[in-house]
Protein backbone atom coordinates (compact mmCIF):
# COMPACT_ATOMS: atom_id res chain seq x y z
CA MET A 1 46.96 -204.80 35.86
CA LYS A 2 47.41 -201.85 38.20
CA LYS A 3 50.69 -203.46 39.29
CA ILE A 4 51.99 -203.24 35.73
CA PHE A 5 50.45 -200.13 34.19
CA ASP A 6 49.97 -196.66 35.63
CA LEU A 7 46.70 -195.60 34.00
CA LYS A 8 46.56 -192.04 35.25
CA PRO A 9 46.17 -189.64 32.29
CA SER A 10 49.47 -187.92 33.10
CA ALA A 11 51.30 -191.27 33.14
CA ILE A 12 49.80 -192.28 29.80
CA ILE A 13 50.80 -188.95 28.25
CA LYS A 14 54.34 -189.35 29.56
CA ARG A 15 54.69 -193.05 28.62
CA PHE A 16 53.69 -192.49 25.01
CA GLY A 17 55.24 -189.03 24.60
CA LEU A 18 51.90 -187.65 23.48
CA LYS A 19 52.95 -184.01 23.83
CA ASN A 20 55.80 -184.48 21.37
CA PRO A 21 55.31 -183.79 17.65
CA ILE A 22 55.26 -187.46 16.63
CA TYR A 23 52.14 -187.76 14.52
CA GLU A 24 53.30 -186.59 11.08
CA GLU A 25 54.43 -190.07 10.00
CA THR A 26 51.29 -191.66 11.40
CA ALA A 27 49.08 -189.21 9.55
CA ALA A 28 50.90 -189.81 6.28
CA TYR A 29 51.35 -193.60 6.30
CA GLY A 30 49.35 -195.04 9.19
CA HIS A 31 50.73 -196.86 12.20
CA MET A 32 49.91 -200.55 11.90
CA GLY A 33 53.05 -202.65 12.11
CA ARG A 34 55.42 -199.69 12.27
CA LYS A 35 58.55 -200.10 14.36
CA PRO A 36 59.25 -197.60 17.13
CA GLY A 37 62.14 -195.34 16.31
CA LYS A 38 63.71 -192.01 17.09
CA LYS A 39 63.35 -188.72 15.28
CA VAL A 40 64.92 -185.29 15.75
CA VAL A 41 62.46 -182.42 16.05
CA TYR A 42 62.67 -178.77 16.99
CA ILE A 43 60.38 -177.58 19.77
CA ASN A 44 60.42 -173.83 20.36
CA GLY A 45 63.79 -173.65 18.62
CA THR A 46 65.31 -176.39 20.77
CA LYS A 47 66.54 -179.60 19.16
CA LYS A 48 65.04 -182.70 20.80
CA GLU A 49 65.12 -186.43 20.01
CA VAL A 50 61.72 -188.05 20.41
CA GLU A 51 60.42 -191.60 20.00
CA THR A 52 57.91 -192.39 17.28
CA PHE A 53 55.22 -195.08 17.34
CA THR A 54 55.58 -195.51 21.09
CA TRP A 55 52.25 -197.34 21.19
CA GLU A 56 53.79 -200.15 19.11
CA LYS A 57 56.49 -200.96 21.69
CA LEU A 58 56.54 -204.46 23.16
CA ASP A 59 58.56 -203.69 26.26
CA TYR A 60 55.80 -204.79 28.66
CA VAL A 61 55.29 -208.28 27.21
CA ASP A 62 57.63 -209.99 29.69
CA LYS A 63 56.11 -208.11 32.64
CA ILE A 64 52.61 -209.20 31.62
CA LYS A 65 53.69 -212.81 31.12
CA LYS A 66 55.34 -212.85 34.54
CA GLU A 67 52.30 -211.33 36.25
CA PHE A 68 49.97 -213.93 34.76
CA GLY A 69 52.36 -216.85 35.05
CA LEU A 70 52.72 -217.43 31.33
């Protein structure tokens, strides 16, 4: 799995955008089955587009299948 995922804390924070303000929707309606999307937020007065529900992404499925010969 180390070939596929970088499990250092800094890599996890970056991969899932955990320092971005992305939790409002999760707190209000939960996260199960939600599709990743984009949202515009303001951070220190600067407009920024961030991804929401990054932990629901399926972009590693093919890499995992390939690694395990599935």
